[in-house]
Amino acid sequence: MPWRVIALGDQVWHVDALAERPANTDAWQLVLSFRAAAGGQGVGVGWWGERGGAAKLAFWTPYPLEATSKSSLFIQAERIPDAALSQLLSQRLA
């Protein structure tokens, strides 16, 4: 089940939030995964075929949010408005 579901144009996107801690750092950084839901149009970045002939679009992108613990990072991530996610998605697809 996705963390968030965002609609952009005629495409529905599933968004997942992940925590990444780069080597030699104390802070966890937020990374977002965007996946086009089946049956949409999707354009642009990273196509691959799926069983049944449907194509999906997916990408990972860092989000400018960090914390010293994963739980704190995810609490902060819950406060990200859907409008900010939609804006990030539209910038990435432009």
PDB file of N, CA and C in Angstrom:
ATOM      1  N   MET A   1       0.843  -1.164   0.000  1.00  0.00           N
ATOM      2  CA  MET A   1       0.000   0.000   0.000  1.00  0.00           C
ATOM      3  C   MET A   1       0.902   1.246   0.000  1.00  0.00           C
ATOM      4  N   PRO A   2       0.638   2.203  -0.895  1.00  0.00           N
ATOM      5  CA  PRO A   2       1.481   3.398  -0.963  1.00  0.00           C
ATOM      6  C   PRO A   2       1.292   4.303   0.250  1.00  0.00           C
ATOM      7  N   TRP A   3       2.316   5.069   0.539  1.00  0.00           N
ATOM      8  CA  TRP A   3       2.280   6.046   1.629  1.00  0.00           C
ATOM      9  C   TRP A   3       1.306   7.164   1.282  1.00  0.00           C
ATOM     10  N   ARG A   4       1.354   7.643   0.023  1.00  0.00           N
ATOM     11  CA  ARG A   4       0.437   8.664  -0.473  1.00  0.00           C
ATOM     12  C   ARG A   4       0.031   8.323  -1.900  1.00  0.00           C
ATOM     13  N   VAL A   5      -1.112   8.846  -2.315  1.00  0.00           N
ATOM     14  CA  VAL A   5      -1.570   8.723  -3.698  1.00  0.00           C
ATOM     15  C   VAL A   5      -1.820  10.137  -4.204  1.00  0.00           C
ATOM     16  N   ILE A   6      -1.167  10.474  -5.315  1.00  0.00           N
ATOM     17  CA  ILE A   6      -1.237  11.821  -5.886  1.00  0.00           C
ATOM     18  C   ILE A   6      -1.790  11.723  -7.304  1.00  0.00           C
ATOM     19  N   ALA A   7      -2.717  12.605  -7.647  1.00  0.00           N
ATOM     20  CA  ALA A   7      -3.217  12.687  -9.022  1.00  0.00           C
ATOM     21  C   ALA A   7      -2.586  13.906  -9.680  1.00  0.00           C
ATOM     22  N   LEU A   8      -2.039  13.691 -10.863  1.00  0.00           N
ATOM     23  CA  LEU A   8      -1.457  14.780 -11.643  1.00  0.00           C
ATOM     24  C   LEU A   8      -1.940  14.613 -13.071  1.00  0.00           C
ATOM     25  N   GLY A   9      -2.779  15.541 -13.514  1.00  0.00           N
ATOM     26  CA  GLY A   9      -3.392  15.394 -14.839  1.00  0.00           C
ATOM     27  C   GLY A   9      -4.305  14.182 -14.838  1.00  0.00           C
ATOM     28  N   ASP A  10      -4.142  13.314 -15.837  1.00  0.00           N
ATOM     29  CA  ASP A  10      -4.962  12.103 -15.915  1.00  0.00           C
ATOM     30  C   ASP A  10      -4.231  10.880 -15.361  1.00  0.00           C
ATOM     31  N   GLN A  11      -3.106  11.103 -14.664  1.00  0.00           N
ATOM     32  CA  GLN A  11      -2.302  10.003 -14.137  1.00  0.00           C
ATOM     33  C   GLN A  11      -2.355   9.987 -12.611  1.00  0.00           C
ATOM     34  N   VAL A  12      -2.498   8.803 -12.047  1.00  0.00           N
ATOM     35  CA  VAL A  12      -2.436   8.612 -10.595  1.00  0.00           C
ATOM     36  C   VAL A  12      -1.050   8.067 -10.258  1.00  0.00           C
ATOM     37  N   TRP A  13      -0.459   8.612  -9.215  1.00  0.00           N
ATOM     38  CA  TRP A  13       0.893   8.228  -8.796  1.00  0.00           C
ATOM     39  C   TRP A  13       0.873   7.693  -7.372  1.00  0.00           C
ATOM     40  N   HIS A  14       1.604   6.628  -7.130  1.00  0.00           N
ATOM     41  CA  HIS A  14       1.796   6.085  -5.785  1.00  0.00           C
ATOM     42  C   HIS A  14       3.142   6.597  -5.288  1.00  0.00           C
ATOM     43  N   VAL A  15       3.142   7.139  -4.077  1.00  0.00           N
ATOM     44  CA  VAL A  15       4.353   7.721  -3.496  1.00  0.00           C
ATOM     45  C   VAL A  15       4.701   6.944  -2.225  1.00  0.00           C
ATOM     46  N   ASP A  16       5.969   6.573  -2.109  1.00  0.00           N
ATOM     47  CA  ASP A  16       6.471   5.927  -0.896  1.00  0.00           C
ATOM     48  C   ASP A  16       7.624   6.756  -0.343  1.00  0.00           C
ATOM     49  N   ALA A  17       7.748   6.799   0.968  1.00  0.00           N
ATOM     50  CA  ALA A  17       8.820   7.535   1.639  1.00  0.00           C
ATOM     51  C   ALA A  17       9.800   6.534   2.235  1.00  0.00           C
ATOM     52  N   LEU A  18      11.083   6.789   2.022  1.00  0.00           N
ATOM     53  CA  LEU A  18      12.129   5.924   2.545  1.00  0.00           C
ATOM     54  C   LEU A  18      13.186   6.759   3.237  1.00  0.00           C
ATOM     55  N   ALA A  19      13.881   6.157   4.185  1.00  0.00           N
ATOM     56  CA  ALA A  19      14.963   6.837   4.893  1.00  0.00           C
ATOM     57  C   ALA A  19      16.288   6.263   4.422  1.00  0.00           C
ATOM     58  N   GLU A  20      17.225   7.158   4.156  1.00  0.00           N
ATOM     59  CA  GLU A  20      18.561   6.758   3.717  1.00  0.00           C
ATOM     60  C   GLU A  20      19.575   7.501   4.562  1.00  0.00           C
ATOM     61  N   ARG A  21      20.589   6.783   5.045  1.00  0.00           N
ATOM     62  CA  ARG A  21      21.657   7.446   5.796  1.00  0.00           C
ATOM     63  C   ARG A  21      22.968   7.234   5.055  1.00  0.00           C
ATOM     64  N   PRO A  22      23.449   8.268   4.392  1.00  0.00           N
ATOM     65  CA  PRO A  22      24.711   8.150   3.667  1.00  0.00           C
ATOM     66  C   PRO A  22      25.872   7.828   4.613  1.00  0.00           C
ATOM     67  N   ALA A  23      26.898   7.220   4.076  1.00  0.00           N
ATOM     68  CA  ALA A  23      28.073   6.860   4.863  1.00  0.00           C
ATOM     69  C   ALA A  23      28.687   8.098   5.511  1.00  0.00           C
ATOM     70  N   ASN A  24      29.200   7.915   6.691  1.00  0.00           N
ATOM     71  CA  ASN A  24      29.911   8.964   7.438  1.00  0.00           C
ATOM     72  C   ASN A  24      29.045  10.173   7.772  1.00  0.00           C
ATOM     73  N   THR A  25      27.737   9.964   7.935  1.00  0.00           N
ATOM     74  CA  THR A  25      26.851  11.044   8.365  1.00  0.00           C
ATOM     75  C   THR A  25      25.995  10.555   9.517  1.00  0.00           C
ATOM     76  N   ASP A  26      25.497  11.485  10.306  1.00  0.00           N
ATOM     77  CA  ASP A  26      24.617  11.137  11.414  1.00  0.00           C
ATOM     78  C   ASP A  26      23.149  11.331  11.077  1.00  0.00           C
ATOM     79  N   ALA A  27      22.869  11.971   9.962  1.00  0.00           N
ATOM     80  CA  ALA A  27      21.492  12.329   9.627  1.00  0.00           C
ATOM     81  C   ALA A  27      20.886  11.361   8.602  1.00  0.00           C
ATOM     82  N   TRP A  28      19.626  11.034   8.852  1.00  0.00           N
ATOM     83  CA  TRP A  28      18.833  10.268   7.883  1.00  0.00           C
ATOM     84  C   TRP A  28      18.221  11.260   6.907  1.00  0.00           C
ATOM     85  N   GLN A  29      18.193  10.913   5.637  1.00  0.00           N
ATOM     86  CA  GLN A  29      17.628  11.781   4.608  1.00  0.00           C
ATOM     87  C   GLN A  29      16.411  11.111   3.991  1.00  0.00           C
ATOM     88  N   LEU A  30      15.434  11.921   3.622  1.00  0.00           N
ATOM     89  CA  LEU A  30      14.202  11.404   3.026  1.00  0.00           C
ATOM     90  C   LEU A  30      14.381  11.217   1.526  1.00  0.00           C
ATOM     91  N   VAL A  31      13.964  10.056   1.037  1.00  0.00           N
ATOM     92  CA  VAL A  31      13.957   9.752  -0.393  1.00  0.00           C
ATOM     93  C   VAL A  31      12.535   9.328  -0.741  1.00  0.00           C
ATOM     94  N   LEU A  32      12.006   9.864  -1.829  1.00  0.00           N
ATOM     95  CA  LEU A  32      10.644   9.540  -2.253  1.00  0.00           C
ATOM     96  C   LEU A  32      10.674   8.687  -3.511  1.00  0.00           C
ATOM     97  N   SER A  33       9.803   7.718  -3.541  1.00  0.00           N
ATOM     98  CA  SER A  33       9.625   6.860  -4.708  1.00  0.00           C
ATOM     99  C   SER A  33       8.277   7.196  -5.326  1.00  0.00           C
ATOM    100  N   PHE A  34       8.277   7.548  -6.607  1.00  0.00           N
ATOM    101  CA  PHE A  34       7.050   7.836  -7.351  1.00  0.00           C
ATOM    102  C   PHE A  34       6.846   6.726  -8.375  1.00  0.00           C
ATOM    103  N   ARG A  35       5.659   6.120  -8.391  1.00  0.00           N
ATOM    104  CA  ARG A  35       5.314   5.076  -9.368  1.00  0.00           C
ATOM    105  C   ARG A  35       3.967   5.397  -9.977  1.00  0.00           C
ATOM    106  N   ALA A  36       3.919   5.423 -11.302  1.00  0.00           N
ATOM    107  CA  ALA A  36       2.645   5.642 -11.976  1.00  0.00           C
ATOM    108  C   ALA A  36       1.766   4.413 -11.759  1.00  0.00           C
ATOM    109  N   ALA A  37       0.509   4.650 -11.412  1.00  0.00           N
ATOM    110  CA  ALA A  37      -0.427   3.538 -11.212  1.00  0.00           C
ATOM    111  C   ALA A  37      -0.782   2.931 -12.562  1.00  0.00           C
ATOM    112  N   ALA A  38      -1.137   1.677 -12.575  1.00  0.00           N
ATOM    113  CA  ALA A  38      -1.500   0.977 -13.806  1.00  0.00           C
ATOM    114  C   ALA A  38      -2.690   1.649 -14.472  1.00  0.00           C
ATOM    115  N   GLY A  39      -2.663   1.682 -15.792  1.00  0.00           N
ATOM    116  CA  GLY A  39      -3.789   2.195 -16.542  1.00  0.00           C
ATOM    117  C   GLY A  39      -3.718   3.665 -16.889  1.00  0.00           C
ATOM    118  N   GLY A  40      -2.668   4.380 -16.419  1.00  0.00           N
ATOM    119  CA  GLY A  40      -2.547   5.802 -16.730  1.00  0.00           C
ATOM    120  C   GLY A  40      -1.690   6.035 -17.954  1.00  0.00           C
ATOM    121  N   GLN A  41      -1.497   7.307 -18.302  1.00  0.00           N
ATOM    122  CA  GLN A  41      -0.735   7.662 -19.490  1.00  0.00           C
ATOM    123  C   GLN A  41       0.766   7.703 -19.220  1.00  0.00           C
ATOM    124  N   GLY A  42       1.210   8.368 -18.172  1.00  0.00           N
ATOM    125  CA  GLY A  42       2.617   8.472 -17.819  1.00  0.00           C
ATOM    126  C   GLY A  42       3.534   8.874 -18.966  1.00  0.00           C
ATOM    127  N   VAL A  43       4.467   9.791 -18.755  1.00  0.00           N
ATOM    128  CA  VAL A  43       5.399  10.208 -19.795  1.00  0.00           C
ATOM    129  C   VAL A  43       6.796  10.342 -19.243  1.00  0.00           C
ATOM    130  N   GLY A  44       7.792  10.131 -20.044  1.00  0.00           N
ATOM    131  CA  GLY A  44       9.115  10.575 -19.703  1.00  0.00           C
ATOM    132  C   GLY A  44      10.175   9.636 -19.246  1.00  0.00           C
ATOM    133  N   VAL A  45      10.439   9.488 -18.050  1.00  0.00           N
ATOM    134  CA  VAL A  45      11.680   9.065 -17.421  1.00  0.00           C
ATOM    135  C   VAL A  45      11.717   7.564 -17.130  1.00  0.00           C
ATOM    136  N   GLY A  46      12.247   6.656 -17.634  1.00  0.00           N
ATOM    137  CA  GLY A  46      12.423   5.299 -17.122  1.00  0.00           C
ATOM    138  C   GLY A  46      11.282   4.329 -17.333  1.00  0.00           C
ATOM    139  N   TRP A  47      11.015   3.958 -18.525  1.00  0.00           N
ATOM    140  CA  TRP A  47       9.934   3.010 -18.840  1.00  0.00           C
ATOM    141  C   TRP A  47      10.421   1.582 -18.746  1.00  0.00           C
ATOM    142  N   TRP A  48       9.555   0.672 -18.374  1.00  0.00           N
ATOM    143  CA  TRP A  48       9.840  -0.746 -18.487  1.00  0.00           C
ATOM    144  C   TRP A  48       8.531  -1.468 -18.703  1.00  0.00           C
ATOM    145  N   GLY A  49       8.589  -2.614 -19.360  1.00  0.00           N
ATOM    146  CA  GLY A  49       7.369  -3.374 -19.630  1.00  0.00           C
ATOM    147  C   GLY A  49       6.983  -4.229 -18.439  1.00  0.00           C
ATOM    148  N   GLU A  50       5.724  -4.473 -18.294  1.00  0.00           N
ATOM    149  CA  GLU A  50       5.211  -5.356 -17.247  1.00  0.00           C
ATOM    150  C   GLU A  50       4.430  -6.478 -17.880  1.00  0.00           C
ATOM    151  N   ARG A  51       4.165  -7.504 -17.091  1.00  0.00           N
ATOM    152  CA  ARG A  51       3.315  -8.578 -17.564  1.00  0.00           C
ATOM    153  C   ARG A  51       1.977  -8.020 -17.983  1.00  0.00           C
ATOM    154  N   GLY A  52       1.453  -8.474 -19.078  1.00  0.00           N
ATOM    155  CA  GLY A  52       0.180  -7.974 -19.559  1.00  0.00           C
ATOM    156  C   GLY A  52       0.334  -6.788 -20.486  1.00  0.00           C
ATOM    157  N   GLY A  53       1.561  -6.353 -20.760  1.00  0.00           N
ATOM    158  CA  GLY A  53       1.802  -5.293 -21.720  1.00  0.00           C
ATOM    159  C   GLY A  53       1.670  -3.877 -21.181  1.00  0.00           C
ATOM    160  N   ALA A  54       1.263  -3.702 -19.930  1.00  0.00           N
ATOM    161  CA  ALA A  54       1.138  -2.340 -19.384  1.00  0.00           C
ATOM    162  C   ALA A  54       2.531  -1.785 -19.130  1.00  0.00           C
ATOM    163  N   ALA A  55       2.698  -0.506 -19.321  1.00  0.00           N
ATOM    164  CA  ALA A  55       3.982   0.145 -19.040  1.00  0.00           C
ATOM    165  C   ALA A  55       3.799   1.058 -17.839  1.00  0.00           C
ATOM    166  N   LYS A  56       4.847   1.165 -17.034  1.00  0.00           N
ATOM    167  CA  LYS A  56       4.803   2.029 -15.857  1.00  0.00           C
ATOM    168  C   LYS A  56       5.979   2.983 -15.876  1.00  0.00           C
ATOM    169  N   LEU A  57       5.822   4.061 -15.192  1.00  0.00           N
ATOM    170  CA  LEU A  57       6.868   5.047 -15.019  1.00  0.00           C
ATOM    171  C   LEU A  57       7.182   5.102 -13.534  1.00  0.00           C
ATOM    172  N   ALA A  58       8.467   5.087 -13.199  1.00  0.00           N
ATOM    173  CA  ALA A  58       8.856   5.142 -11.790  1.00  0.00           C
ATOM    174  C   ALA A  58      10.195   5.851 -11.656  1.00  0.00           C
ATOM    175  N   PHE A  59      10.382   6.547 -10.538  1.00  0.00           N
ATOM    176  CA  PHE A  59      11.675   7.159 -10.252  1.00  0.00           C
ATOM    177  C   PHE A  59      11.789   7.419  -8.753  1.00  0.00           C
ATOM    178  N   TRP A  60      13.029   7.587  -8.316  1.00  0.00           N
ATOM    179  CA  TRP A  60      13.362   7.934  -6.941  1.00  0.00           C
ATOM    180  C   TRP A  60      13.917   9.344  -6.950  1.00  0.00           C
ATOM    181  N   THR A  61      13.632  10.109  -5.914  1.00  0.00           N
ATOM    182  CA  THR A  61      14.188  11.454  -5.818  1.00  0.00           C
ATOM    183  C   THR A  61      14.383  11.833  -4.352  1.00  0.00           C
ATOM    184  N   PRO A  62      15.491  12.482  -4.039  1.00  0.00           N
ATOM    185  CA  PRO A  62      15.680  12.950  -2.657  1.00  0.00           C
ATOM    186  C   PRO A  62      14.737  14.110  -2.363  1.00  0.00           C
ATOM    187  N   TYR A  63      14.347  14.219  -1.111  1.00  0.00           N
ATOM    188  CA  TYR A  63      13.518  15.338  -0.662  1.00  0.00           C
ATOM    189  C   TYR A  63      14.320  16.084   0.410  1.00  0.00           C
ATOM    190  N   PRO A  64      14.337  17.412   0.399  1.00  0.00           N
ATOM    191  CA  PRO A  64      15.189  18.165   1.327  1.00  0.00           C
ATOM    192  C   PRO A  64      14.687  18.139   2.778  1.00  0.00           C
ATOM    193  N   LEU A  65      14.819  16.976   3.389  1.00  0.00           N
ATOM    194  CA  LEU A  65      14.388  16.790   4.770  1.00  0.00           C
ATOM    195  C   LEU A  65      15.340  15.790   5.406  1.00  0.00           C
ATOM    196  N   GLU A  66      15.833  16.088   6.585  1.00  0.00           N
ATOM    197  CA  GLU A  66      16.705  15.143   7.284  1.00  0.00           C
ATOM    198  C   GLU A  66      16.484  15.228   8.782  1.00  0.00           C
ATOM    199  N   ALA A  67      16.873  14.148   9.479  1.00  0.00           N
ATOM    200  CA  ALA A  67      16.714  14.067  10.926  1.00  0.00           C
ATOM    201  C   ALA A  67      17.736  13.083  11.476  1.00  0.00           C
ATOM    202  N   THR A  68      17.961  13.131  12.783  1.00  0.00           N
ATOM    203  CA  THR A  68      18.933  12.232  13.395  1.00  0.00           C
ATOM    204  C   THR A  68      18.364  10.843  13.673  1.00  0.00           C
ATOM    205  N   SER A  69      17.048  10.687  13.569  1.00  0.00           N
ATOM    206  CA  SER A  69      16.455   9.355  13.732  1.00  0.00           C
ATOM    207  C   SER A  69      15.437   9.119  12.616  1.00  0.00           C
ATOM    208  N   LYS A  70      15.260   7.852  12.263  1.00  0.00           N
ATOM    209  CA  LYS A  70      14.291   7.530  11.218  1.00  0.00           C
ATOM    210  C   LYS A  70      12.884   7.908  11.644  1.00  0.00           C
ATOM    211  N   SER A  71      12.539   7.650  12.894  1.00  0.00           N
ATOM    212  CA  SER A  71      11.182   7.958  13.346  1.00  0.00           C
ATOM    213  C   SER A  71      10.897   9.456  13.259  1.00  0.00           C
ATOM    214  N   SER A  72      11.860  10.264  13.634  1.00  0.00           N
ATOM    215  CA  SER A  72      11.694  11.715  13.527  1.00  0.00           C
ATOM    216  C   SER A  72      11.559  12.147  12.069  1.00  0.00           C
ATOM    217  N   LEU A  73      12.317  11.517  11.196  1.00  0.00           N
ATOM    218  CA  LEU A  73      12.234  11.831   9.770  1.00  0.00           C
ATOM    219  C   LEU A  73      10.840  11.536   9.219  1.00  0.00           C
ATOM    220  N   PHE A  74      10.287  10.379   9.580  1.00  0.00           N
ATOM    221  CA  PHE A  74       8.967  10.013   9.080  1.00  0.00           C
ATOM    222  C   PHE A  74       7.855  10.880   9.690  1.00  0.00           C
ATOM    223  N   ILE A  75       8.039  11.318  10.922  1.00  0.00           N
ATOM    224  CA  ILE A  75       7.073  12.249  11.524  1.00  0.00           C
ATOM    225  C   ILE A  75       7.068  13.554  10.744  1.00  0.00           C
ATOM    226  N   GLN A  76       8.255  14.049  10.394  1.00  0.00           N
ATOM    227  CA  GLN A  76       8.346  15.270   9.585  1.00  0.00           C
ATOM    228  C   GLN A  76       7.758  15.048   8.190  1.00  0.00           C
ATOM    229  N   ALA A  77       7.988  13.881   7.619  1.00  0.00           N
ATOM    230  CA  ALA A  77       7.490  13.580   6.273  1.00  0.00           C
ATOM    231  C   ALA A  77       5.963  13.599   6.233  1.00  0.00           C
ATOM    232  N   GLU A  78       5.321  13.203   7.320  1.00  0.00           N
ATOM    233  CA  GLU A  78       3.857  13.217   7.370  1.00  0.00           C
ATOM    234  C   GLU A  78       3.293  14.627   7.213  1.00  0.00           C
ATOM    235  N   ARG A  79       4.101  15.623   7.515  1.00  0.00           N
ATOM    236  CA  ARG A  79       3.661  17.020   7.418  1.00  0.00           C
ATOM    237  C   ARG A  79       3.824  17.608   6.022  1.00  0.00           C
ATOM    238  N   ILE A  80       4.416  16.865   5.094  1.00  0.00           N
ATOM    239  CA  ILE A  80       4.586  17.366   3.723  1.00  0.00           C
ATOM    240  C   ILE A  80       3.213  17.398   3.061  1.00  0.00           C
ATOM    241  N   PRO A  81       2.785  18.559   2.583  1.00  0.00           N
ATOM    242  CA  PRO A  81       1.468  18.631   1.939  1.00  0.00           C
ATOM    243  C   PRO A  81       1.476  17.954   0.563  1.00  0.00           C
ATOM    244  N   ASP A  82       0.323  17.439   0.175  1.00  0.00           N
ATOM    245  CA  ASP A  82       0.202  16.808  -1.141  1.00  0.00           C
ATOM    246  C   ASP A  82       0.574  17.776  -2.254  1.00  0.00           C
ATOM    247  N   ALA A  83       0.295  19.062  -2.063  1.00  0.00           N
ATOM    248  CA  ALA A  83       0.631  20.066  -3.086  1.00  0.00           C
ATOM    249  C   ALA A  83       2.140  20.119  -3.328  1.00  0.00           C
ATOM    250  N   ALA A  84       2.937  19.963  -2.282  1.00  0.00           N
ATOM    251  CA  ALA A  84       4.395  19.961  -2.434  1.00  0.00           C
ATOM    252  C   ALA A  84       4.854  18.727  -3.212  1.00  0.00           C
ATOM    253  N   LEU A  85       4.221  17.589  -2.950  1.00  0.00           N
ATOM    254  CA  LEU A  85       4.557  16.370  -3.692  1.00  0.00           C
ATOM    255  C   LEU A  85       4.165  16.499  -5.159  1.00  0.00           C
ATOM    256  N   SER A  86       3.006  17.088  -5.416  1.00  0.00           N
ATOM    257  CA  SER A  86       2.561  17.300  -6.804  1.00  0.00           C
ATOM    258  C   SER A  86       3.512  18.234  -7.539  1.00  0.00           C
ATOM    259  N   GLN A  87       3.980  19.279  -6.857  1.00  0.00           N
ATOM    260  CA  GLN A  87       4.912  20.217  -7.474  1.00  0.00           C
ATOM    261  C   GLN A  87       6.237  19.532  -7.795  1.00  0.00           C
ATOM    262  N   LEU A  88       6.745  18.734  -6.866  1.00  0.00           N
ATOM    263  CA  LEU A  88       7.987  17.992  -7.097  1.00  0.00           C
ATOM    264  C   LEU A  88       7.823  17.040  -8.281  1.00  0.00           C
ATOM    265  N   LEU A  89       6.699  16.369  -8.344  1.00  0.00           N
ATOM    266  CA  LEU A  89       6.423  15.438  -9.442  1.00  0.00           C
ATOM    267  C   LEU A  89       6.359  16.168 -10.787  1.00  0.00           C
ATOM    268  N   SER A  90       5.654  17.285 -10.838  1.00  0.00           N
ATOM    269  CA  SER A  90       5.533  18.007 -12.105  1.00  0.00           C
ATOM    270  C   SER A  90       6.870  18.582 -12.553  1.00  0.00           C
ATOM    271  N   GLN A  91       7.707  19.013 -11.599  1.00  0.00           N
ATOM    272  CA  GLN A  91       9.052  19.495 -11.954  1.00  0.00           C
ATOM    273  C   GLN A  91       9.899  18.362 -12.521  1.00  0.00           C
ATOM    274  N   ARG A  92       9.794  17.202 -11.926  1.00  0.00           N
ATOM    275  CA  ARG A  92      10.577  16.053 -12.385  1.00  0.00           C
ATOM    276  C   ARG A  92      10.152  15.600 -13.782  1.00  0.00           C
ATOM    277  N   LEU A  93       8.865  15.698 -14.081  1.00  0.00           N
ATOM    278  CA  LEU A  93       8.357  15.256 -15.376  1.00  0.00           C
ATOM    279  C   LEU A  93       8.529  16.302 -16.481  1.00  0.00           C
ATOM    280  N   ALA A  94       8.824  17.555 -16.087  1.00  0.00           N
ATOM    281  CA  ALA A  94       8.958  18.644 -17.081  1.00  0.00           C
ATOM    282  C   ALA A  94      10.196  18.479 -17.927  1.00  0.00           C
TER     283      ALA A  94
END
